[in-house]
Amino acid sequence: MAARLTVGVVSDTHGLVRPEALRALQGADVLLHAGDIGGGHVLEELGRIAPTIAVRGNVDGEGWAWSLPARRRLELGGVAVLLLHDRGSLTLDPRDRIRVVVFGHSHQPLTERRGGVLWFNPGSAGPRRFRLPVSVGRLVIEGGDVRPRLIRLPRA
């Protein structure tokens, strides 16, 4: 039987670490941050929950973020995952066999399957923007299957 991997997913924190977000991410084996982090302290706090893998977003221009790549290709639980901030001009190469694209930027939570690829945006866990929800996400990877879940946080 294949091992089960729980991946916590967060994006667009913009320097804000909500206690509700930390609680929702508890129990994850690994965390992904899809950019617009807003400060190294965010990654430090997330790192207390689980190993954290992050990419740089368009607001992450300070020195602490320079070492972060704009995108990362990962193998999580035997599944190829592409982590980036803005999917705007992304074109996938079928040879890369990407099964999951994790992204942020829009602050709009999204779970969508197209052409065998799961497109997953956890929404924003940072300051509320317009009337959009504040949310994080989880991916459960087991036996090559990926089950996404969006977690809406209490109104802030």
N, C-alpha and C. Protein backbone atom coordinates (compact mmCIF):
# COMPACT_ATOMS: atom_id res chain seq x y z
N MET A 1 0.84 -1.18 0.00
CA MET A 1 0.00 0.00 0.00
C MET A 1 0.89 1.25 0.00
N ALA A 2 0.53 2.21 -0.84
CA ALA A 2 1.33 3.44 -0.94
C ALA A 2 1.14 4.32 0.29
N ALA A 3 2.19 5.01 0.65
CA ALA A 3 2.12 5.92 1.80
C ALA A 3 1.23 7.11 1.46
N ARG A 4 0.59 7.62 2.47
CA ARG A 4 -0.27 8.80 2.33
C ARG A 4 0.53 10.03 2.72
N LEU A 5 0.48 11.07 1.87
CA LEU A 5 1.17 12.32 2.12
C LEU A 5 0.14 13.44 2.18
N THR A 6 0.18 14.21 3.27
CA THR A 6 -0.72 15.35 3.41
C THR A 6 0.08 16.62 3.19
N VAL A 7 -0.34 17.41 2.20
CA VAL A 7 0.36 18.63 1.81
C VAL A 7 -0.53 19.82 2.17
N GLY A 8 -0.03 20.70 3.03
CA GLY A 8 -0.73 21.94 3.33
C GLY A 8 -0.33 22.97 2.28
N VAL A 9 -1.30 23.75 1.80
CA VAL A 9 -1.03 24.71 0.73
C VAL A 9 -1.53 26.09 1.15
N VAL A 10 -0.66 27.08 0.97
CA VAL A 10 -0.98 28.45 1.36
C VAL A 10 -0.41 29.40 0.31
N SER A 11 -1.03 30.55 0.18
CA SER A 11 -0.53 31.56 -0.75
C SER A 11 -0.96 32.94 -0.29
N ASP A 12 -0.29 33.94 -0.83
CA ASP A 12 -0.69 35.34 -0.67
C ASP A 12 -0.92 35.72 0.79
N THR A 13 0.05 35.41 1.64
CA THR A 13 -0.04 35.80 3.04
C THR A 13 0.29 37.28 3.24
N HIS A 14 1.09 37.85 2.36
CA HIS A 14 1.44 39.28 2.40
C HIS A 14 1.89 39.71 3.80
N GLY A 15 2.69 38.85 4.44
CA GLY A 15 3.27 39.19 5.74
C GLY A 15 2.40 38.88 6.94
N LEU A 16 1.18 38.43 6.71
CA LEU A 16 0.24 38.15 7.80
C LEU A 16 0.20 36.64 8.08
N VAL A 17 0.46 36.27 9.33
CA VAL A 17 0.35 34.86 9.73
C VAL A 17 -0.88 34.75 10.63
N ARG A 18 -1.95 34.24 10.08
CA ARG A 18 -3.20 34.10 10.84
C ARG A 18 -3.14 32.83 11.70
N PRO A 19 -3.50 32.93 12.98
CA PRO A 19 -3.56 31.73 13.81
C PRO A 19 -4.51 30.68 13.23
N GLU A 20 -5.60 31.13 12.60
CA GLU A 20 -6.57 30.21 12.00
C GLU A 20 -5.92 29.42 10.85
N ALA A 21 -5.05 30.08 10.11
CA ALA A 21 -4.36 29.39 9.01
C ALA A 21 -3.39 28.36 9.57
N LEU A 22 -2.66 28.73 10.62
CA LEU A 22 -1.73 27.78 11.23
C LEU A 22 -2.48 26.56 11.75
N ARG A 23 -3.62 26.77 12.37
CA ARG A 23 -4.41 25.64 12.89
C ARG A 23 -4.88 24.74 11.74
N ALA A 24 -5.33 25.35 10.65
CA ALA A 24 -5.83 24.58 9.50
C ALA A 24 -4.73 23.77 8.84
N LEU A 25 -3.48 24.23 8.94
CA LEU A 25 -2.36 23.54 8.30
C LEU A 25 -1.71 22.50 9.20
N GLN A 26 -2.07 22.46 10.47
CA GLN A 26 -1.50 21.48 11.40
C GLN A 26 -1.70 20.07 10.86
N GLY A 27 -0.73 19.22 11.10
CA GLY A 27 -0.83 17.82 10.70
C GLY A 27 -0.33 17.54 9.29
N ALA A 28 0.02 18.57 8.56
CA ALA A 28 0.55 18.35 7.20
C ALA A 28 1.96 17.79 7.30
N ASP A 29 2.32 16.96 6.33
CA ASP A 29 3.68 16.40 6.26
C ASP A 29 4.65 17.41 5.65
N VAL A 30 4.13 18.24 4.76
CA VAL A 30 4.93 19.27 4.08
C VAL A 30 3.99 20.42 3.75
N LEU A 31 4.54 21.64 3.69
CA LEU A 31 3.75 22.81 3.31
C LEU A 31 4.31 23.42 2.03
N LEU A 32 3.41 23.92 1.19
CA LEU A 32 3.78 24.65 -0.01
C LEU A 32 3.24 26.06 0.12
N HIS A 33 4.09 27.06 -0.18
CA HIS A 33 3.66 28.45 -0.21
C HIS A 33 3.84 28.95 -1.63
N ALA A 34 2.73 29.37 -2.25
CA ALA A 34 2.74 29.76 -3.66
C ALA A 34 2.99 31.25 -3.88
N GLY A 35 3.77 31.87 -3.01
CA GLY A 35 4.25 33.22 -3.26
C GLY A 35 3.42 34.35 -2.69
N ASP A 36 3.97 35.56 -2.81
CA ASP A 36 3.50 36.75 -2.11
C ASP A 36 3.48 36.46 -0.61
N ILE A 37 4.64 36.05 -0.16
CA ILE A 37 4.86 35.64 1.23
C ILE A 37 4.83 36.87 2.13
N GLY A 38 5.63 37.88 1.78
CA GLY A 38 5.60 39.13 2.50
C GLY A 38 6.58 39.25 3.65
N GLY A 39 7.42 38.27 3.86
CA GLY A 39 8.43 38.36 4.91
C GLY A 39 8.93 36.98 5.33
N GLY A 40 10.21 36.93 5.66
CA GLY A 40 10.81 35.67 6.08
C GLY A 40 10.17 35.08 7.32
N HIS A 41 9.59 35.94 8.18
CA HIS A 41 8.95 35.46 9.40
C HIS A 41 7.78 34.51 9.09
N VAL A 42 7.12 34.70 7.94
CA VAL A 42 6.02 33.82 7.55
C VAL A 42 6.54 32.41 7.34
N LEU A 43 7.64 32.27 6.62
CA LEU A 43 8.22 30.95 6.36
C LEU A 43 8.73 30.31 7.65
N GLU A 44 9.27 31.13 8.56
CA GLU A 44 9.73 30.61 9.86
C GLU A 44 8.57 30.01 10.63
N GLU A 45 7.44 30.72 10.69
CA GLU A 45 6.28 30.22 11.43
C GLU A 45 5.71 28.96 10.78
N LEU A 46 5.62 28.96 9.46
CA LEU A 46 5.13 27.77 8.76
C LEU A 46 6.07 26.59 8.98
N GLY A 47 7.37 26.87 9.02
CA GLY A 47 8.37 25.82 9.21
C GLY A 47 8.27 25.15 10.57
N ARG A 48 7.59 25.77 11.51
CA ARG A 48 7.37 25.13 12.82
C ARG A 48 6.31 24.03 12.72
N ILE A 49 5.50 24.09 11.68
CA ILE A 49 4.46 23.07 11.47
C ILE A 49 5.02 21.89 10.70
N ALA A 50 5.71 22.18 9.59
CA ALA A 50 6.24 21.13 8.71
C ALA A 50 7.28 21.77 7.79
N PRO A 51 8.13 20.94 7.17
CA PRO A 51 9.06 21.49 6.17
C PRO A 51 8.26 22.29 5.14
N THR A 52 8.77 23.47 4.80
CA THR A 52 8.03 24.39 3.93
C THR A 52 8.83 24.68 2.67
N ILE A 53 8.16 24.53 1.53
CA ILE A 53 8.74 24.79 0.22
C ILE A 53 8.00 25.99 -0.34
N ALA A 54 8.74 27.01 -0.79
CA ALA A 54 8.09 28.24 -1.24
C ALA A 54 8.68 28.74 -2.54
N VAL A 55 7.88 29.54 -3.23
CA VAL A 55 8.35 30.27 -4.40
C VAL A 55 8.11 31.76 -4.16
N ARG A 56 8.83 32.57 -4.89
CA ARG A 56 8.74 34.02 -4.79
C ARG A 56 7.53 34.52 -5.58
N GLY A 57 6.80 35.46 -4.99
CA GLY A 57 5.69 36.10 -5.68
C GLY A 57 6.08 37.49 -6.13
N ASN A 58 5.18 38.19 -6.78
CA ASN A 58 5.49 39.51 -7.33
C ASN A 58 5.75 40.57 -6.27
N VAL A 59 5.32 40.37 -5.01
CA VAL A 59 5.63 41.34 -3.96
C VAL A 59 6.85 40.95 -3.13
N ASP A 60 7.43 39.81 -3.43
CA ASP A 60 8.58 39.30 -2.65
C ASP A 60 9.89 39.77 -3.26
N GLY A 61 10.15 41.09 -3.20
CA GLY A 61 11.32 41.65 -3.84
C GLY A 61 12.47 42.00 -2.91
N GLU A 62 12.29 41.76 -1.61
CA GLU A 62 13.34 42.12 -0.65
C GLU A 62 14.40 41.03 -0.58
N GLY A 63 15.50 41.35 0.09
CA GLY A 63 16.64 40.46 0.17
C GLY A 63 16.35 39.07 0.68
N TRP A 64 15.45 38.93 1.65
CA TRP A 64 15.14 37.61 2.21
C TRP A 64 14.57 36.67 1.14
N ALA A 65 13.95 37.22 0.09
CA ALA A 65 13.27 36.40 -0.92
C ALA A 65 14.11 36.11 -2.15
N TRP A 66 15.28 36.76 -2.28
CA TRP A 66 16.06 36.62 -3.51
C TRP A 66 16.47 35.18 -3.80
N SER A 67 16.64 34.38 -2.78
CA SER A 67 17.08 33.00 -3.02
C SER A 67 15.92 32.08 -3.42
N LEU A 68 14.69 32.57 -3.31
CA LEU A 68 13.54 31.74 -3.69
C LEU A 68 13.36 31.75 -5.20
N PRO A 69 13.12 30.59 -5.80
CA PRO A 69 12.88 30.56 -7.24
C PRO A 69 11.46 31.05 -7.56
N ALA A 70 11.24 31.39 -8.81
CA ALA A 70 9.91 31.81 -9.26
C ALA A 70 8.99 30.61 -9.45
N ARG A 71 9.58 29.44 -9.69
CA ARG A 71 8.79 28.21 -9.82
C ARG A 71 9.64 27.02 -9.41
N ARG A 72 8.96 25.97 -8.99
CA ARG A 72 9.65 24.73 -8.60
C ARG A 72 8.85 23.54 -9.11
N ARG A 73 9.58 22.55 -9.61
CA ARG A 73 8.97 21.27 -9.96
C ARG A 73 9.34 20.31 -8.85
N LEU A 74 8.35 19.66 -8.28
CA LEU A 74 8.54 18.77 -7.14
C LEU A 74 7.96 17.40 -7.42
N GLU A 75 8.47 16.41 -6.73
CA GLU A 75 7.86 15.08 -6.71
C GLU A 75 7.36 14.88 -5.30
N LEU A 76 6.06 14.81 -5.13
CA LEU A 76 5.46 14.62 -3.82
C LEU A 76 4.61 13.35 -3.85
N GLY A 77 4.98 12.38 -3.07
CA GLY A 77 4.23 11.14 -3.06
C GLY A 77 4.16 10.46 -4.41
N GLY A 78 5.21 10.65 -5.22
CA GLY A 78 5.24 10.06 -6.55
C GLY A 78 4.47 10.84 -7.61
N VAL A 79 4.01 12.04 -7.27
CA VAL A 79 3.23 12.87 -8.19
C VAL A 79 4.04 14.13 -8.52
N ALA A 80 4.12 14.46 -9.81
CA ALA A 80 4.84 15.66 -10.24
C ALA A 80 3.96 16.89 -10.01
N VAL A 81 4.52 17.84 -9.24
CA VAL A 81 3.81 19.06 -8.86
C VAL A 81 4.63 20.26 -9.32
N LEU A 82 3.97 21.22 -9.93
CA LEU A 82 4.61 22.48 -10.29
C LEU A 82 4.07 23.55 -9.36
N LEU A 83 4.97 24.24 -8.66
CA LEU A 83 4.62 25.30 -7.72
C LEU A 83 5.09 26.63 -8.29
N LEU A 84 4.17 27.59 -8.44
CA LEU A 84 4.52 28.91 -8.93
C LEU A 84 3.50 29.91 -8.39
N HIS A 85 3.75 31.18 -8.61
CA HIS A 85 2.83 32.19 -8.08
C HIS A 85 1.72 32.53 -9.07
N ASP A 86 2.07 32.92 -10.27
CA ASP A 86 1.08 33.41 -11.24
C ASP A 86 1.04 32.46 -12.43
N ARG A 87 -0.06 31.82 -12.63
CA ARG A 87 -0.17 30.86 -13.75
C ARG A 87 -0.49 31.55 -15.07
N GLY A 88 -0.60 32.86 -15.05
CA GLY A 88 -1.04 33.66 -16.19
C GLY A 88 -0.56 33.19 -17.55
N SER A 89 0.73 33.08 -17.75
CA SER A 89 1.24 32.72 -19.07
C SER A 89 1.85 31.32 -19.10
N LEU A 90 1.45 30.49 -18.15
CA LEU A 90 2.01 29.15 -18.05
C LEU A 90 1.53 28.24 -19.17
N THR A 91 2.48 27.60 -19.82
CA THR A 91 2.19 26.55 -20.79
C THR A 91 2.89 25.30 -20.31
N LEU A 92 2.13 24.23 -20.15
CA LEU A 92 2.72 22.97 -19.68
C LEU A 92 3.25 22.16 -20.85
N ASP A 93 4.41 21.58 -20.66
CA ASP A 93 5.00 20.67 -21.62
C ASP A 93 4.61 19.26 -21.20
N PRO A 94 3.86 18.52 -22.02
CA PRO A 94 3.42 17.17 -21.64
C PRO A 94 4.57 16.24 -21.24
N ARG A 95 5.77 16.51 -21.75
CA ARG A 95 6.92 15.67 -21.40
C ARG A 95 7.29 15.79 -19.92
N ASP A 96 6.90 16.90 -19.29
CA ASP A 96 7.19 17.08 -17.86
C ASP A 96 6.27 16.25 -16.96
N ARG A 97 5.16 15.77 -17.52
CA ARG A 97 4.21 14.92 -16.81
C ARG A 97 3.70 15.55 -15.51
N ILE A 98 3.50 16.85 -15.53
CA ILE A 98 2.96 17.55 -14.36
C ILE A 98 1.53 17.10 -14.13
N ARG A 99 1.22 16.70 -12.91
CA ARG A 99 -0.14 16.26 -12.56
C ARG A 99 -0.89 17.32 -11.74
N VAL A 100 -0.11 18.18 -11.04
CA VAL A 100 -0.73 19.20 -10.20
C VAL A 100 0.01 20.52 -10.39
N VAL A 101 -0.73 21.60 -10.61
CA VAL A 101 -0.17 22.94 -10.63
C VAL A 101 -0.74 23.68 -9.43
N VAL A 102 0.16 24.10 -8.53
CA VAL A 102 -0.24 24.87 -7.35
C VAL A 102 0.20 26.31 -7.61
N PHE A 103 -0.75 27.24 -7.47
CA PHE A 103 -0.46 28.64 -7.77
C PHE A 103 -1.27 29.54 -6.84
N GLY A 104 -1.00 30.83 -6.91
CA GLY A 104 -1.72 31.81 -6.12
C GLY A 104 -2.03 33.01 -6.98
N HIS A 105 -1.71 34.20 -6.48
CA HIS A 105 -1.77 35.48 -7.16
C HIS A 105 -3.18 36.09 -7.24
N SER A 106 -4.18 35.32 -7.62
CA SER A 106 -5.52 35.89 -7.83
C SER A 106 -6.30 36.08 -6.53
N HIS A 107 -5.86 35.44 -5.46
CA HIS A 107 -6.55 35.43 -4.17
C HIS A 107 -7.88 34.68 -4.25
N GLN A 108 -8.16 34.03 -5.35
CA GLN A 108 -9.42 33.31 -5.54
C GLN A 108 -9.18 31.81 -5.44
N PRO A 109 -9.77 31.15 -4.44
CA PRO A 109 -9.60 29.70 -4.33
C PRO A 109 -10.14 29.00 -5.58
N LEU A 110 -9.43 27.95 -5.98
CA LEU A 110 -9.83 27.23 -7.19
C LEU A 110 -9.35 25.80 -7.14
N THR A 111 -10.23 24.90 -7.49
CA THR A 111 -9.88 23.50 -7.73
C THR A 111 -10.49 23.15 -9.07
N GLU A 112 -9.62 22.83 -10.03
CA GLU A 112 -10.10 22.58 -11.39
C GLU A 112 -9.23 21.49 -12.03
N ARG A 113 -9.86 20.55 -12.70
CA ARG A 113 -9.13 19.51 -13.42
C ARG A 113 -9.32 19.75 -14.91
N ARG A 114 -8.17 19.86 -15.60
CA ARG A 114 -8.20 20.05 -17.06
C ARG A 114 -7.12 19.19 -17.68
N GLY A 115 -7.48 18.37 -18.64
CA GLY A 115 -6.51 17.58 -19.37
C GLY A 115 -5.64 16.71 -18.48
N GLY A 116 -6.21 16.14 -17.43
CA GLY A 116 -5.46 15.27 -16.54
C GLY A 116 -4.60 16.02 -15.52
N VAL A 117 -4.72 17.35 -15.47
CA VAL A 117 -3.94 18.16 -14.54
C VAL A 117 -4.89 18.82 -13.54
N LEU A 118 -4.52 18.75 -12.27
CA LEU A 118 -5.25 19.46 -11.22
C LEU A 118 -4.64 20.84 -11.07
N TRP A 119 -5.44 21.88 -11.22
CA TRP A 119 -5.02 23.27 -11.02
C TRP A 119 -5.58 23.66 -9.67
N PHE A 120 -4.69 24.04 -8.73
CA PHE A 120 -5.11 24.27 -7.35
C PHE A 120 -4.58 25.59 -6.82
N ASN A 121 -5.49 26.49 -6.48
CA ASN A 121 -5.15 27.76 -5.86
C ASN A 121 -5.82 27.77 -4.49
N PRO A 122 -5.01 27.84 -3.41
CA PRO A 122 -5.62 27.80 -2.08
C PRO A 122 -6.31 29.11 -1.70
N GLY A 123 -6.23 30.12 -2.56
CA GLY A 123 -6.76 31.43 -2.22
C GLY A 123 -5.74 32.18 -1.38
N SER A 124 -6.18 33.19 -0.68
CA SER A 124 -5.28 34.02 0.12
C SER A 124 -5.50 33.77 1.60
N ALA A 125 -4.39 33.61 2.33
CA ALA A 125 -4.45 33.50 3.79
C ALA A 125 -4.03 34.81 4.43
N GLY A 126 -3.81 35.82 3.62
CA GLY A 126 -3.35 37.11 4.13
C GLY A 126 -4.50 38.08 4.36
N PRO A 127 -4.20 39.37 4.28
CA PRO A 127 -5.24 40.37 4.49
C PRO A 127 -6.40 40.19 3.50
N ARG A 128 -7.61 40.36 4.01
CA ARG A 128 -8.79 40.19 3.15
C ARG A 128 -8.72 41.19 2.00
N ARG A 129 -9.09 40.70 0.81
CA ARG A 129 -9.08 41.53 -0.39
C ARG A 129 -10.48 41.52 -0.99
N PHE A 130 -11.06 42.68 -1.10
CA PHE A 130 -12.42 42.81 -1.62
C PHE A 130 -13.36 41.91 -0.82
N ARG A 131 -14.16 41.12 -1.47
CA ARG A 131 -15.08 40.20 -0.77
C ARG A 131 -14.63 38.75 -0.90
N LEU A 132 -13.38 38.56 -1.28
CA LEU A 132 -12.87 37.21 -1.47
C LEU A 132 -12.69 36.52 -0.12
N PRO A 133 -12.88 35.20 -0.07
CA PRO A 133 -12.69 34.49 1.19
C PRO A 133 -11.22 34.43 1.58
N VAL A 134 -10.97 34.18 2.85
CA VAL A 134 -9.63 33.91 3.36
C VAL A 134 -9.56 32.40 3.48
N SER A 135 -8.54 31.79 2.87
CA SER A 135 -8.52 30.33 2.82
C SER A 135 -7.12 29.77 2.65
N VAL A 136 -7.00 28.49 2.93
CA VAL A 136 -5.82 27.68 2.68
C VAL A 136 -6.31 26.38 2.03
N GLY A 137 -5.39 25.46 1.77
CA GLY A 137 -5.81 24.21 1.17
C GLY A 137 -5.00 23.03 1.64
N ARG A 138 -5.46 21.86 1.27
CA ARG A 138 -4.77 20.60 1.52
C ARG A 138 -4.85 19.73 0.28
N LEU A 139 -3.78 19.02 0.05
CA LEU A 139 -3.76 17.96 -0.97
C LEU A 139 -3.41 16.68 -0.25
N VAL A 140 -4.19 15.65 -0.44
CA VAL A 140 -3.84 14.34 0.09
C VAL A 140 -3.44 13.48 -1.09
N ILE A 141 -2.20 13.01 -1.06
CA ILE A 141 -1.65 12.21 -2.15
C ILE A 141 -1.47 10.79 -1.64
N GLU A 142 -2.10 9.86 -2.33
CA GLU A 142 -2.02 8.45 -1.91
C GLU A 142 -2.21 7.55 -3.12
N GLY A 143 -1.26 6.68 -3.34
CA GLY A 143 -1.35 5.74 -4.46
C GLY A 143 -1.50 6.41 -5.81
N GLY A 144 -0.87 7.57 -5.99
CA GLY A 144 -0.96 8.28 -7.27
C GLY A 144 -2.20 9.14 -7.40
N ASP A 145 -3.12 9.03 -6.46
CA ASP A 145 -4.35 9.83 -6.46
C ASP A 145 -4.13 11.11 -5.67
N VAL A 146 -4.67 12.23 -6.15
CA VAL A 146 -4.55 13.51 -5.45
C VAL A 146 -5.95 14.02 -5.15
N ARG A 147 -6.22 14.20 -3.85
CA ARG A 147 -7.51 14.71 -3.41
C ARG A 147 -7.33 16.12 -2.85
N PRO A 148 -7.88 17.13 -3.53
CA PRO A 148 -7.75 18.51 -3.07
C PRO A 148 -8.87 18.89 -2.10
N ARG A 149 -8.56 19.83 -1.22
CA ARG A 149 -9.57 20.37 -0.31
C ARG A 149 -9.26 21.84 -0.02
N LEU A 150 -10.22 22.69 -0.25
CA LEU A 150 -10.10 24.10 0.13
C LEU A 150 -10.68 24.27 1.52
N ILE A 151 -10.00 25.07 2.34
CA ILE A 151 -10.43 25.29 3.72
C ILE A 151 -10.67 26.78 3.90
N ARG A 152 -11.91 27.14 4.02
CA ARG A 152 -12.27 28.55 4.24
C ARG A 152 -12.06 28.87 5.71
N LEU A 153 -11.32 29.92 5.98
CA LEU A 153 -11.04 30.31 7.36
C LEU A 153 -12.17 31.20 7.87
N PRO A 154 -12.37 31.23 9.19
CA PRO A 154 -13.42 32.08 9.75
C PRO A 154 -13.24 33.52 9.29
N ARG A 155 -14.33 34.23 9.16
CA ARG A 155 -14.27 35.65 8.72
C ARG A 155 -13.33 36.44 9.58
N ALA A 156 -12.49 37.19 8.91
CA ALA A 156 -11.50 38.00 9.62
C ALA A 156 -11.88 39.45 9.58
